[in-house]
Amino acid sequence: MNRKRLPDTEFSVMKAVWKCPVPMGSHDVMSRLPDDKKWKPQTVLTLLSRLIDKGFLESERKGKERFYTPIVSEEDYLTVETEDFMNRYKGNSLSSLVRTFFTSNNVSTEDLEELKHLLED
């Protein structure tokens, strides 16, 4: 997948889309947006249109309503985002990323146990 990073506003809409049953209307998407997103319906429609143009969604009109279906899965998008982050900021070095987490003291005991199990597998 050769897609660019989504701006935060479009990513918020995609996160809501990924929570919806397929296909979904704009009202379904709006109902799943975080409470801090008090966007007007026209704003959400504009963002959905941008996501169609970028190849993240497809839409179909049924009567007066337009229904949306994701083309890109959340897992696929996050995989690309993670790879891009690793390449840009950590020189594709997992050890450098882990070192950053440890030096920032944001690693819980549960995180360490999970990491240990991942390494053992």
PDB file of N, CA and C in Angstrom:
ATOM      1  N   MET A   1       0.859  -1.178   0.000  1.00  0.00           N
ATOM      2  CA  MET A   1       0.000   0.000   0.000  1.00  0.00           C
ATOM      3  C   MET A   1       0.897   1.230   0.000  1.00  0.00           C
ATOM      4  N   ASN A   2       0.677   2.098  -0.947  1.00  0.00           N
ATOM      5  CA  ASN A   2       1.480   3.307  -1.052  1.00  0.00           C
ATOM      6  C   ASN A   2       0.583   4.518  -0.780  1.00  0.00           C
ATOM      7  N   ARG A   3       0.249   4.743   0.492  1.00  0.00           N
ATOM      8  CA  ARG A   3      -0.642   5.830   0.856  1.00  0.00           C
ATOM      9  C   ARG A   3       0.093   6.780   1.797  1.00  0.00           C
ATOM     10  N   LYS A   4      -0.321   8.026   1.717  1.00  0.00           N
ATOM     11  CA  LYS A   4       0.267   9.025   2.604  1.00  0.00           C
ATOM     12  C   LYS A   4      -0.446   9.012   3.949  1.00  0.00           C
ATOM     13  N   ARG A   5       0.226   9.569   4.913  1.00  0.00           N
ATOM     14  CA  ARG A   5      -0.333   9.703   6.257  1.00  0.00           C
ATOM     15  C   ARG A   5      -1.560  10.607   6.203  1.00  0.00           C
ATOM     16  N   LEU A   6      -2.592  10.210   6.920  1.00  0.00           N
ATOM     17  CA  LEU A   6      -3.808  11.019   6.976  1.00  0.00           C
ATOM     18  C   LEU A   6      -3.643  12.142   7.987  1.00  0.00           C
ATOM     19  N   PRO A   7      -4.168  13.321   7.670  1.00  0.00           N
ATOM     20  CA  PRO A   7      -4.218  14.376   8.693  1.00  0.00           C
ATOM     21  C   PRO A   7      -5.074  13.890   9.870  1.00  0.00           C
ATOM     22  N   ASP A   8      -4.860  14.473  11.036  1.00  0.00           N
ATOM     23  CA  ASP A   8      -5.569  14.037  12.242  1.00  0.00           C
ATOM     24  C   ASP A   8      -7.083  14.039  12.084  1.00  0.00           C
ATOM     25  N   THR A   9      -7.643  15.046  11.416  1.00  0.00           N
ATOM     26  CA  THR A   9      -9.101  15.109  11.265  1.00  0.00           C
ATOM     27  C   THR A   9      -9.616  13.933  10.441  1.00  0.00           C
ATOM     28  N   GLU A  10      -8.945  13.625   9.349  1.00  0.00           N
ATOM     29  CA  GLU A  10      -9.366  12.506   8.508  1.00  0.00           C
ATOM     30  C   GLU A  10      -9.137  11.178   9.214  1.00  0.00           C
ATOM     31  N   PHE A  11      -8.069  11.083   9.987  1.00  0.00           N
ATOM     32  CA  PHE A  11      -7.817   9.860  10.747  1.00  0.00           C
ATOM     33  C   PHE A  11      -8.911   9.651  11.795  1.00  0.00           C
ATOM     34  N   SER A  12      -9.376  10.720  12.425  1.00  0.00           N
ATOM     35  CA  SER A  12     -10.481  10.608  13.386  1.00  0.00           C
ATOM     36  C   SER A  12     -11.724  10.040  12.722  1.00  0.00           C
ATOM     37  N   VAL A  13     -12.007  10.487  11.514  1.00  0.00           N
ATOM     38  CA  VAL A  13     -13.162   9.980  10.780  1.00  0.00           C
ATOM     39  C   VAL A  13     -12.952   8.507  10.425  1.00  0.00           C
ATOM     40  N   MET A  14     -11.747   8.156   9.979  1.00  0.00           N
ATOM     41  CA  MET A  14     -11.487   6.757   9.632  1.00  0.00           C
ATOM     42  C   MET A  14     -11.606   5.859  10.865  1.00  0.00           C
ATOM     43  N   LYS A  15     -11.158   6.319  12.022  1.00  0.00           N
ATOM     44  CA  LYS A  15     -11.305   5.508  13.231  1.00  0.00           C
ATOM     45  C   LYS A  15     -12.781   5.252  13.519  1.00  0.00           C
ATOM     46  N   ALA A  16     -13.630   6.261  13.291  1.00  0.00           N
ATOM     47  CA  ALA A  16     -15.073   6.087  13.468  1.00  0.00           C
ATOM     48  C   ALA A  16     -15.629   5.121  12.420  1.00  0.00           C
ATOM     49  N   VAL A  17     -15.164   5.247  11.184  1.00  0.00           N
ATOM     50  CA  VAL A  17     -15.609   4.367  10.097  1.00  0.00           C
ATOM     51  C   VAL A  17     -15.292   2.916  10.440  1.00  0.00           C
ATOM     52  N   TRP A  18     -14.081   2.664  10.927  1.00  0.00           N
ATOM     53  CA  TRP A  18     -13.673   1.293  11.233  1.00  0.00           C
ATOM     54  C   TRP A  18     -14.510   0.669  12.348  1.00  0.00           C
ATOM     55  N   LYS A  19     -15.202   1.481  13.138  1.00  0.00           N
ATOM     56  CA  LYS A  19     -16.059   0.971  14.214  1.00  0.00           C
ATOM     57  C   LYS A  19     -17.470   0.649  13.735  1.00  0.00           C
ATOM     58  N   CYS A  20     -17.819   1.071  12.532  1.00  0.00           N
ATOM     59  CA  CYS A  20     -19.188   0.943  12.024  1.00  0.00           C
ATOM     60  C   CYS A  20     -19.395  -0.367  11.273  1.00  0.00           C
ATOM     61  N   PRO A  21     -20.639  -0.878  11.307  1.00  0.00           N
ATOM     62  CA  PRO A  21     -20.957  -1.994  10.422  1.00  0.00           C
ATOM     63  C   PRO A  21     -20.988  -1.490   8.979  1.00  0.00           C
ATOM     64  N   VAL A  22     -20.640  -2.368   8.048  1.00  0.00           N
ATOM     65  CA  VAL A  22     -20.509  -1.979   6.638  1.00  0.00           C
ATOM     66  C   VAL A  22     -21.756  -2.397   5.878  1.00  0.00           C
ATOM     67  N   PRO A  23     -22.269  -1.580   4.966  1.00  0.00           N
ATOM     68  CA  PRO A  23     -21.911  -0.186   4.705  1.00  0.00           C
ATOM     69  C   PRO A  23     -22.560   0.721   5.747  1.00  0.00           C
ATOM     70  N   MET A  24     -22.040   1.940   5.878  1.00  0.00           N
ATOM     71  CA  MET A  24     -22.553   2.856   6.892  1.00  0.00           C
ATOM     72  C   MET A  24     -22.927   4.189   6.268  1.00  0.00           C
ATOM     73  N   GLY A  25     -23.885   4.842   6.878  1.00  0.00           N
ATOM     74  CA  GLY A  25     -24.251   6.196   6.463  1.00  0.00           C
ATOM     75  C   GLY A  25     -23.448   7.220   7.242  1.00  0.00           C
ATOM     76  N   SER A  26     -23.539   8.462   6.823  1.00  0.00           N
ATOM     77  CA  SER A  26     -22.791   9.523   7.509  1.00  0.00           C
ATOM     78  C   SER A  26     -23.234   9.678   8.964  1.00  0.00           C
ATOM     79  N   HIS A  27     -24.515   9.390   9.243  1.00  0.00           N
ATOM     80  CA  HIS A  27     -24.994   9.485  10.631  1.00  0.00           C
ATOM     81  C   HIS A  27     -24.335   8.420  11.510  1.00  0.00           C
ATOM     82  N   ASP A  28     -24.103   7.225  10.935  1.00  0.00           N
ATOM     83  CA  ASP A  28     -23.401   6.176  11.683  1.00  0.00           C
ATOM     84  C   ASP A  28     -22.000   6.642  12.058  1.00  0.00           C
ATOM     85  N   VAL A  29     -21.321   7.256  11.096  1.00  0.00           N
ATOM     86  CA  VAL A  29     -19.961   7.743  11.334  1.00  0.00           C
ATOM     87  C   VAL A  29     -19.979   8.834  12.403  1.00  0.00           C
ATOM     88  N   MET A  30     -20.894   9.778  12.265  1.00  0.00           N
ATOM     89  CA  MET A  30     -20.974  10.886  13.227  1.00  0.00           C
ATOM     90  C   MET A  30     -21.238  10.376  14.645  1.00  0.00           C
ATOM     91  N   SER A  31     -22.042   9.332  14.771  1.00  0.00           N
ATOM     92  CA  SER A  31     -22.372   8.814  16.106  1.00  0.00           C
ATOM     93  C   SER A  31     -21.186   8.134  16.766  1.00  0.00           C
ATOM     94  N   ARG A  32     -20.170   7.786  15.986  1.00  0.00           N
ATOM     95  CA  ARG A  32     -19.005   7.102  16.540  1.00  0.00           C
ATOM     96  C   ARG A  32     -17.775   8.006  16.660  1.00  0.00           C
ATOM     97  N   LEU A  33     -17.929   9.256  16.326  1.00  0.00           N
ATOM     98  CA  LEU A  33     -16.824  10.210  16.504  1.00  0.00           C
ATOM     99  C   LEU A  33     -16.650  10.502  17.992  1.00  0.00           C
ATOM    100  N   PRO A  34     -15.436  10.791  18.427  1.00  0.00           N
ATOM    101  CA  PRO A  34     -15.215  11.128  19.846  1.00  0.00           C
ATOM    102  C   PRO A  34     -16.066  12.327  20.253  1.00  0.00           C
ATOM    103  N   ASP A  35     -16.417  12.373  21.530  1.00  0.00           N
ATOM    104  CA  ASP A  35     -17.275  13.448  22.046  1.00  0.00           C
ATOM    105  C   ASP A  35     -16.693  14.833  21.830  1.00  0.00           C
ATOM    106  N   ASP A  36     -15.362  14.939  21.764  1.00  0.00           N
ATOM    107  CA  ASP A  36     -14.761  16.257  21.584  1.00  0.00           C
ATOM    108  C   ASP A  36     -14.871  16.755  20.138  1.00  0.00           C
ATOM    109  N   LYS A  37     -15.343  15.924  19.236  1.00  0.00           N
ATOM    110  CA  LYS A  37     -15.517  16.319  17.832  1.00  0.00           C
ATOM    111  C   LYS A  37     -16.957  16.781  17.645  1.00  0.00           C
ATOM    112  N   LYS A  38     -17.153  18.052  17.699  1.00  0.00           N
ATOM    113  CA  LYS A  38     -18.489  18.646  17.553  1.00  0.00           C
ATOM    114  C   LYS A  38     -18.655  19.207  16.139  1.00  0.00           C
ATOM    115  N   TRP A  39     -18.293  18.395  15.151  1.00  0.00           N
ATOM    116  CA  TRP A  39     -18.345  18.847  13.778  1.00  0.00           C
ATOM    117  C   TRP A  39     -19.773  18.873  13.252  1.00  0.00           C
ATOM    118  N   LYS A  40     -20.024  19.831  12.384  1.00  0.00           N
ATOM    119  CA  LYS A  40     -21.317  19.908  11.706  1.00  0.00           C
ATOM    120  C   LYS A  40     -21.376  18.789  10.679  1.00  0.00           C
ATOM    121  N   PRO A  41     -22.599  18.342  10.326  1.00  0.00           N
ATOM    122  CA  PRO A  41     -22.731  17.277   9.321  1.00  0.00           C
ATOM    123  C   PRO A  41     -21.981  17.580   8.021  1.00  0.00           C
ATOM    124  N   GLN A  42     -21.995  18.828   7.576  1.00  0.00           N
ATOM    125  CA  GLN A  42     -21.312  19.167   6.324  1.00  0.00           C
ATOM    126  C   GLN A  42     -19.805  18.958   6.426  1.00  0.00           C
ATOM    127  N   THR A  43     -19.251  19.213   7.597  1.00  0.00           N
ATOM    128  CA  THR A  43     -17.817  18.991   7.809  1.00  0.00           C
ATOM    129  C   THR A  43     -17.489  17.509   7.670  1.00  0.00           C
ATOM    130  N   VAL A  44     -18.304  16.657   8.283  1.00  0.00           N
ATOM    131  CA  VAL A  44     -18.076  15.212   8.201  1.00  0.00           C
ATOM    132  C   VAL A  44     -18.228  14.749   6.751  1.00  0.00           C
ATOM    133  N   LEU A  45     -19.227  15.264   6.047  1.00  0.00           N
ATOM    134  CA  LEU A  45     -19.405  14.893   4.637  1.00  0.00           C
ATOM    135  C   LEU A  45     -18.195  15.302   3.804  1.00  0.00           C
ATOM    136  N   THR A  46     -17.639  16.465   4.075  1.00  0.00           N
ATOM    137  CA  THR A  46     -16.441  16.926   3.362  1.00  0.00           C
ATOM    138  C   THR A  46     -15.265  15.994   3.646  1.00  0.00           C
ATOM    139  N   LEU A  47     -15.090  15.607   4.904  1.00  0.00           N
ATOM    140  CA  LEU A  47     -13.996  14.701   5.265  1.00  0.00           C
ATOM    141  C   LEU A  47     -14.194  13.322   4.634  1.00  0.00           C
ATOM    142  N   LEU A  48     -15.424  12.838   4.607  1.00  0.00           N
ATOM    143  CA  LEU A  48     -15.704  11.560   3.951  1.00  0.00           C
ATOM    144  C   LEU A  48     -15.380  11.641   2.463  1.00  0.00           C
ATOM    145  N   SER A  49     -15.708  12.751   1.848  1.00  0.00           N
ATOM    146  CA  SER A  49     -15.408  12.949   0.429  1.00  0.00           C
ATOM    147  C   SER A  49     -13.904  12.946   0.178  1.00  0.00           C
ATOM    148  N   ARG A  50     -13.150  13.589   1.042  1.00  0.00           N
ATOM    149  CA  ARG A  50     -11.688  13.587   0.913  1.00  0.00           C
ATOM    150  C   ARG A  50     -11.131  12.166   1.028  1.00  0.00           C
ATOM    151  N   LEU A  51     -11.706  11.387   1.941  1.00  0.00           N
ATOM    152  CA  LEU A  51     -11.245  10.014   2.125  1.00  0.00           C
ATOM    153  C   LEU A  51     -11.563   9.141   0.910  1.00  0.00           C
ATOM    154  N   ILE A  52     -12.646   9.441   0.228  1.00  0.00           N
ATOM    155  CA  ILE A  52     -12.965   8.755  -1.036  1.00  0.00           C
ATOM    156  C   ILE A  52     -11.920   9.124  -2.077  1.00  0.00           C
ATOM    157  N   ASP A  53     -11.639  10.424  -2.190  1.00  0.00           N
ATOM    158  CA  ASP A  53     -10.651  10.900  -3.172  1.00  0.00           C
ATOM    159  C   ASP A  53      -9.273  10.297  -2.933  1.00  0.00           C
ATOM    160  N   LYS A  54      -8.931  10.035  -1.667  1.00  0.00           N
ATOM    161  CA  LYS A  54      -7.616   9.485  -1.328  1.00  0.00           C
ATOM    162  C   LYS A  54      -7.575   7.962  -1.401  1.00  0.00           C
ATOM    163  N   GLY A  55      -8.714   7.339  -1.707  1.00  0.00           N
ATOM    164  CA  GLY A  55      -8.739   5.887  -1.857  1.00  0.00           C
ATOM    165  C   GLY A  55      -8.912   5.107  -0.572  1.00  0.00           C
ATOM    166  N   PHE A  56      -9.380   5.748   0.483  1.00  0.00           N
ATOM    167  CA  PHE A  56      -9.603   5.057   1.745  1.00  0.00           C
ATOM    168  C   PHE A  56     -11.028   4.523   1.868  1.00  0.00           C
ATOM    169  N   LEU A  57     -11.969   5.153   1.165  1.00  0.00           N
ATOM    170  CA  LEU A  57     -13.380   4.777   1.217  1.00  0.00           C
ATOM    171  C   LEU A  57     -13.941   4.688  -0.191  1.00  0.00           C
ATOM    172  N   GLU A  58     -15.026   3.943  -0.317  1.00  0.00           N
ATOM    173  CA  GLU A  58     -15.842   4.016  -1.518  1.00  0.00           C
ATOM    174  C   GLU A  58     -17.259   4.306  -1.048  1.00  0.00           C
ATOM    175  N   SER A  59     -18.067   4.860  -1.933  1.00  0.00           N
ATOM    176  CA  SER A  59     -19.430   5.200  -1.534  1.00  0.00           C
ATOM    177  C   SER A  59     -20.410   4.794  -2.618  1.00  0.00           C
ATOM    178  N   GLU A  60     -21.649   4.628  -2.165  1.00  0.00           N
ATOM    179  CA  GLU A  60     -22.739   4.260  -3.059  1.00  0.00           C
ATOM    180  C   GLU A  60     -23.985   4.991  -2.583  1.00  0.00           C
ATOM    181  N   ARG A  61     -24.686   5.573  -3.520  1.00  0.00           N
ATOM    182  CA  ARG A  61     -25.922   6.281  -3.176  1.00  0.00           C
ATOM    183  C   ARG A  61     -27.081   5.300  -3.246  1.00  0.00           C
ATOM    184  N   LYS A  62     -27.892   5.289  -2.186  1.00  0.00           N
ATOM    185  CA  LYS A  62     -29.126   4.508  -2.133  1.00  0.00           C
ATOM    186  C   LYS A  62     -30.233   5.453  -1.711  1.00  0.00           C
ATOM    187  N   GLY A  63     -31.053   5.843  -2.678  1.00  0.00           N
ATOM    188  CA  GLY A  63     -32.080   6.849  -2.402  1.00  0.00           C
ATOM    189  C   GLY A  63     -31.417   8.186  -2.135  1.00  0.00           C
ATOM    190  N   LYS A  64     -31.791   8.808  -1.045  1.00  0.00           N
ATOM    191  CA  LYS A  64     -31.202  10.114  -0.696  1.00  0.00           C
ATOM    192  C   LYS A  64     -29.933   9.971   0.140  1.00  0.00           C
ATOM    193  N   GLU A  65     -29.693   8.796   0.637  1.00  0.00           N
ATOM    194  CA  GLU A  65     -28.556   8.559   1.530  1.00  0.00           C
ATOM    195  C   GLU A  65     -27.369   8.011   0.757  1.00  0.00           C
ATOM    196  N   ARG A  66     -26.176   8.382   1.197  1.00  0.00           N
ATOM    197  CA  ARG A  66     -24.936   7.839   0.645  1.00  0.00           C
ATOM    198  C   ARG A  66     -24.345   6.913   1.708  1.00  0.00           C
ATOM    199  N   PHE A  67     -23.903   5.732   1.271  1.00  0.00           N
ATOM    200  CA  PHE A  67     -23.326   4.743   2.174  1.00  0.00           C
ATOM    201  C   PHE A  67     -21.853   4.555   1.850  1.00  0.00           C
ATOM    202  N   TYR A  68     -21.071   4.351   2.898  1.00  0.00           N
ATOM    203  CA  TYR A  68     -19.618   4.296   2.780  1.00  0.00           C
ATOM    204  C   TYR A  68     -19.103   2.927   3.209  1.00  0.00           C
ATOM    205  N   THR A  69     -18.058   2.487   2.527  1.00  0.00           N
ATOM    206  CA  THR A  69     -17.386   1.234   2.841  1.00  0.00           C
ATOM    207  C   THR A  69     -15.882   1.490   2.830  1.00  0.00           C
ATOM    208  N   PRO A  70     -15.177   1.076   3.888  1.00  0.00           N
ATOM    209  CA  PRO A  70     -13.720   1.277   3.887  1.00  0.00           C
ATOM    210  C   PRO A  70     -13.050   0.353   2.871  1.00  0.00           C
ATOM    211  N   ILE A  71     -12.074   0.896   2.173  1.00  0.00           N
ATOM    212  CA  ILE A  71     -11.250   0.122   1.249  1.00  0.00           C
ATOM    213  C   ILE A  71      -9.972  -0.304   1.961  1.00  0.00           C
ATOM    214  N   VAL A  72      -9.504   0.538   2.869  1.00  0.00           N
ATOM    215  CA  VAL A  72      -8.272   0.283   3.632  1.00  0.00           C
ATOM    216  C   VAL A  72      -8.675  -0.125   5.045  1.00  0.00           C
ATOM    217  N   SER A  73      -8.168  -1.264   5.490  1.00  0.00           N
ATOM    218  CA  SER A  73      -8.473  -1.714   6.851  1.00  0.00           C
ATOM    219  C   SER A  73      -7.638  -0.935   7.867  1.00  0.00           C
ATOM    220  N   GLU A  74      -8.115  -0.918   9.084  1.00  0.00           N
ATOM    221  CA  GLU A  74      -7.383  -0.240  10.158  1.00  0.00           C
ATOM    222  C   GLU A  74      -6.008  -0.883  10.338  1.00  0.00           C
ATOM    223  N   GLU A  75      -5.968  -2.198  10.310  1.00  0.00           N
ATOM    224  CA  GLU A  75      -4.695  -2.911  10.490  1.00  0.00           C
ATOM    225  C   GLU A  75      -3.697  -2.547   9.391  1.00  0.00           C
ATOM    226  N   ASP A  76      -4.155  -2.519   8.140  1.00  0.00           N
ATOM    227  CA  ASP A  76      -3.257  -2.171   7.033  1.00  0.00           C
ATOM    228  C   ASP A  76      -2.735  -0.746   7.176  1.00  0.00           C
ATOM    229  N   TYR A  77      -3.616   0.188   7.528  1.00  0.00           N
ATOM    230  CA  TYR A  77      -3.185   1.579   7.662  1.00  0.00           C
ATOM    231  C   TYR A  77      -2.182   1.732   8.808  1.00  0.00           C
ATOM    232  N   LEU A  78      -2.470   1.113   9.941  1.00  0.00           N
ATOM    233  CA  LEU A  78      -1.577   1.254  11.091  1.00  0.00           C
ATOM    234  C   LEU A  78      -0.233   0.579  10.846  1.00  0.00           C
ATOM    235  N   THR A  79      -0.231  -0.477  10.052  1.00  0.00           N
ATOM    236  CA  THR A  79       1.034  -1.110   9.690  1.00  0.00           C
ATOM    237  C   THR A  79       1.899  -0.144   8.889  1.00  0.00           C
ATOM    238  N   VAL A  80       1.293   0.523   7.913  1.00  0.00           N
ATOM    239  CA  VAL A  80       2.032   1.495   7.095  1.00  0.00           C
ATOM    240  C   VAL A  80       2.509   2.669   7.958  1.00  0.00           C
ATOM    241  N   GLU A  81       1.640   3.152   8.837  1.00  0.00           N
ATOM    242  CA  GLU A  81       2.007   4.263   9.729  1.00  0.00           C
ATOM    243  C   GLU A  81       3.176   3.875  10.633  1.00  0.00           C
ATOM    244  N   THR A  82       3.135   2.680  11.183  1.00  0.00           N
ATOM    245  CA  THR A  82       4.199   2.215  12.076  1.00  0.00           C
ATOM    246  C   THR A  82       5.518   2.097  11.330  1.00  0.00           C
ATOM    247  N   GLU A  83       5.467   1.517  10.135  1.00  0.00           N
ATOM    248  CA  GLU A  83       6.687   1.388   9.327  1.00  0.00           C
ATOM    249  C   GLU A  83       7.253   2.762   8.980  1.00  0.00           C
ATOM    250  N   ASP A  84       6.376   3.694   8.627  1.00  0.00           N
ATOM    251  CA  ASP A  84       6.821   5.040   8.294  1.00  0.00           C
ATOM    252  C   ASP A  84       7.463   5.712   9.508  1.00  0.00           C
ATOM    253  N   PHE A  85       6.834   5.569  10.670  1.00  0.00           N
ATOM    254  CA  PHE A  85       7.386   6.144  11.895  1.00  0.00           C
ATOM    255  C   PHE A  85       8.761   5.560  12.184  1.00  0.00           C
ATOM    256  N   MET A  86       8.866   4.261  12.095  1.00  0.00           N
ATOM    257  CA  MET A  86      10.149   3.597  12.371  1.00  0.00           C
ATOM    258  C   MET A  86      11.230   4.079  11.403  1.00  0.00           C
ATOM    259  N   ASN A  87      10.886   4.232  10.145  1.00  0.00           N
ATOM    260  CA  ASN A  87      11.871   4.693   9.159  1.00  0.00           C
ATOM    261  C   ASN A  87      12.281   6.143   9.394  1.00  0.00           C
ATOM    262  N   ARG A  88      11.298   7.007   9.672  1.00  0.00           N
ATOM    263  CA  ARG A  88      11.591   8.434   9.811  1.00  0.00           C
ATOM    264  C   ARG A  88      12.304   8.781  11.106  1.00  0.00           C
ATOM    265  N   TYR A  89      11.875   8.182  12.211  1.00  0.00           N
ATOM    266  CA  TYR A  89      12.362   8.648  13.506  1.00  0.00           C
ATOM    267  C   TYR A  89      13.356   7.717  14.180  1.00  0.00           C
ATOM    268  N   LYS A  90      13.347   6.468  13.828  1.00  0.00           N
ATOM    269  CA  LYS A  90      14.200   5.531  14.543  1.00  0.00           C
ATOM    270  C   LYS A  90      15.117   4.755  13.615  1.00  0.00           C
ATOM    271  N   GLY A  91      15.298   5.221  12.393  1.00  0.00           N
ATOM    272  CA  GLY A  91      16.204   4.561  11.467  1.00  0.00           C
ATOM    273  C   GLY A  91      15.901   3.089  11.298  1.00  0.00           C
ATOM    274  N   ASN A  92      14.607   2.748  11.423  1.00  0.00           N
ATOM    275  CA  ASN A  92      14.123   1.371  11.299  1.00  0.00           C
ATOM    276  C   ASN A  92      14.755   0.447  12.349  1.00  0.00           C
ATOM    277  N   SER A  93      15.127   1.026  13.479  1.00  0.00           N
ATOM    278  CA  SER A  93      15.767   0.262  14.549  1.00  0.00           C
ATOM    279  C   SER A  93      14.786   0.028  15.692  1.00  0.00           C
ATOM    280  N   LEU A  94      14.402  -1.218  15.880  1.00  0.00           N
ATOM    281  CA  LEU A  94      13.504  -1.567  16.973  1.00  0.00           C
ATOM    282  C   LEU A  94      14.165  -1.305  18.323  1.00  0.00           C
ATOM    283  N   SER A  95      15.443  -1.601  18.426  1.00  0.00           N
ATOM    284  CA  SER A  95      16.131  -1.382  19.700  1.00  0.00           C
ATOM    285  C   SER A  95      16.147   0.099  20.068  1.00  0.00           C
ATOM    286  N   SER A  96      16.284   0.969  19.077  1.00  0.00           N
ATOM    287  CA  SER A  96      16.251   2.412  19.336  1.00  0.00           C
ATOM    288  C   SER A  96      14.872   2.844  19.840  1.00  0.00           C
ATOM    289  N   LEU A  97      13.831   2.287  19.258  1.00  0.00           N
ATOM    290  CA  LEU A  97      12.466   2.598  19.702  1.00  0.00           C
ATOM    291  C   LEU A  97      12.250   2.136  21.141  1.00  0.00           C
ATOM    292  N   VAL A  98      12.646   0.915  21.441  1.00  0.00           N
ATOM    293  CA  VAL A  98      12.472   0.373  22.790  1.00  0.00           C
ATOM    294  C   VAL A  98      13.281   1.188  23.798  1.00  0.00           C
ATOM    295  N   ARG A  99      14.503   1.575  23.427  1.00  0.00           N
ATOM    296  CA  ARG A  99      15.347   2.395  24.306  1.00  0.00           C
ATOM    297  C   ARG A  99      14.646   3.717  24.632  1.00  0.00           C
ATOM    298  N   THR A 100      14.003   4.321  23.642  1.00  0.00           N
ATOM    299  CA  THR A 100      13.280   5.575  23.859  1.00  0.00           C
ATOM    300  C   THR A 100      12.164   5.388  24.879  1.00  0.00           C
ATOM    301  N   PHE A 101      11.422   4.295  24.763  1.00  0.00           N
ATOM    302  CA  PHE A 101      10.359   4.032  25.733  1.00  0.00           C
ATOM    303  C   PHE A 101      10.917   3.861  27.138  1.00  0.00           C
ATOM    304  N   PHE A 102      12.021   3.141  27.254  1.00  0.00           N
ATOM    305  CA  PHE A 102      12.602   2.918  28.573  1.00  0.00           C
ATOM    306  C   PHE A 102      13.132   4.206  29.183  1.00  0.00           C
ATOM    307  N   THR A 103      13.784   5.044  28.391  1.00  0.00           N
ATOM    308  CA  THR A 103      14.350   6.278  28.938  1.00  0.00           C
ATOM    309  C   THR A 103      13.266   7.291  29.284  1.00  0.00           C
ATOM    310  N   SER A 104      12.086   7.165  28.698  1.00  0.00           N
ATOM    311  CA  SER A 104      10.998   8.093  29.031  1.00  0.00           C
ATOM    312  C   SER A 104      10.190   7.601  30.234  1.00  0.00           C
ATOM    313  N   ASN A 105      10.551   6.424  30.757  1.00  0.00           N
ATOM    314  CA  ASN A 105       9.888   5.845  31.929  1.00  0.00           C
ATOM    315  C   ASN A 105       8.392   5.621  31.730  1.00  0.00           C
ATOM    316  N   ASN A 106       7.976   5.366  30.507  1.00  0.00           N
ATOM    317  CA  ASN A 106       6.567   5.118  30.223  1.00  0.00           C
ATOM    318  C   ASN A 106       6.263   3.638  30.052  1.00  0.00           C
ATOM    319  N   VAL A 107       7.103   2.776  30.554  1.00  0.00           N
ATOM    320  CA  VAL A 107       6.921   1.344  30.382  1.00  0.00           C
ATOM    321  C   VAL A 107       6.436   0.745  31.700  1.00  0.00           C
ATOM    322  N   SER A 108       5.264   0.123  31.640  1.00  0.00           N
ATOM    323  CA  SER A 108       4.708  -0.499  32.839  1.00  0.00           C
ATOM    324  C   SER A 108       5.209  -1.930  32.966  1.00  0.00           C
ATOM    325  N   THR A 109       4.995  -2.500  34.116  1.00  0.00           N
ATOM    326  CA  THR A 109       5.367  -3.898  34.340  1.00  0.00           C
ATOM    327  C   THR A 109       4.603  -4.806  33.376  1.00  0.00           C
ATOM    328  N   GLU A 110       3.331  -4.473  33.139  1.00  0.00           N
ATOM    329  CA  GLU A 110       2.524  -5.258  32.199  1.00  0.00           C
ATOM    330  C   GLU A 110       3.104  -5.176  30.792  1.00  0.00           C
ATOM    331  N   ASP A 111       3.562  -3.983  30.403  1.00  0.00           N
ATOM    332  CA  ASP A 111       4.190  -3.813  29.087  1.00  0.00           C
ATOM    333  C   ASP A 111       5.437  -4.678  28.969  1.00  0.00           C
ATOM    334  N   LEU A 112       6.238  -4.699  30.033  1.00  0.00           N
ATOM    335  CA  LEU A 112       7.465  -5.500  30.031  1.00  0.00           C
ATOM    336  C   LEU A 112       7.146  -6.992  29.903  1.00  0.00           C
ATOM    337  N   GLU A 113       6.117  -7.437  30.612  1.00  0.00           N
ATOM    338  CA  GLU A 113       5.724  -8.844  30.532  1.00  0.00           C
ATOM    339  C   GLU A 113       5.241  -9.189  29.119  1.00  0.00           C
ATOM    340  N   GLU A 114       4.462  -8.308  28.528  1.00  0.00           N
ATOM    341  CA  GLU A 114       3.976  -8.543  27.171  1.00  0.00           C
ATOM    342  C   GLU A 114       5.140  -8.578  26.178  1.00  0.00           C
ATOM    343  N   LEU A 115       6.075  -7.674  26.340  1.00  0.00           N
ATOM    344  CA  LEU A 115       7.261  -7.647  25.470  1.00  0.00           C
ATOM    345  C   LEU A 115       8.080  -8.939  25.637  1.00  0.00           C
ATOM    346  N   LYS A 116       8.207  -9.382  26.855  1.00  0.00           N
ATOM    347  CA  LYS A 116       8.931 -10.618  27.124  1.00  0.00           C
ATOM    348  C   LYS A 116       8.279 -11.801  26.415  1.00  0.00           C
ATOM    349  N   HIS A 117       6.952 -11.874  26.481  1.00  0.00           N
ATOM    350  CA  HIS A 117       6.222 -12.968  25.816  1.00  0.00           C
ATOM    351  C   HIS A 117       6.351 -12.877  24.294  1.00  0.00           C
ATOM    352  N   LEU A 118       6.337 -11.663  23.754  1.00  0.00           N
ATOM    353  CA  LEU A 118       6.512 -11.500  22.318  1.00  0.00           C
ATOM    354  C   LEU A 118       7.883 -11.975  21.879  1.00  0.00           C
ATOM    355  N   LEU A 119       8.895 -11.623  22.660  1.00  0.00           N
ATOM    356  CA  LEU A 119      10.257 -12.038  22.325  1.00  0.00           C
ATOM    357  C   LEU A 119      10.437 -13.553  22.420  1.00  0.00           C
ATOM    358  N   GLU A 120       9.793 -14.164  23.405  1.00  0.00           N
ATOM    359  CA  GLU A 120       9.880 -15.610  23.571  1.00  0.00           C
ATOM    360  C   GLU A 120       9.209 -16.357  22.428  1.00  0.00           C
ATOM    361  N   ASP A 121       8.128 -15.774  21.895  1.00  0.00           N
ATOM    362  CA  ASP A 121       7.404 -16.411  20.790  1.00  0.00           C
ATOM    363  C   ASP A 121       8.220 -16.302  19.522  1.00  0.00           C
TER     364      ASP A 121
END
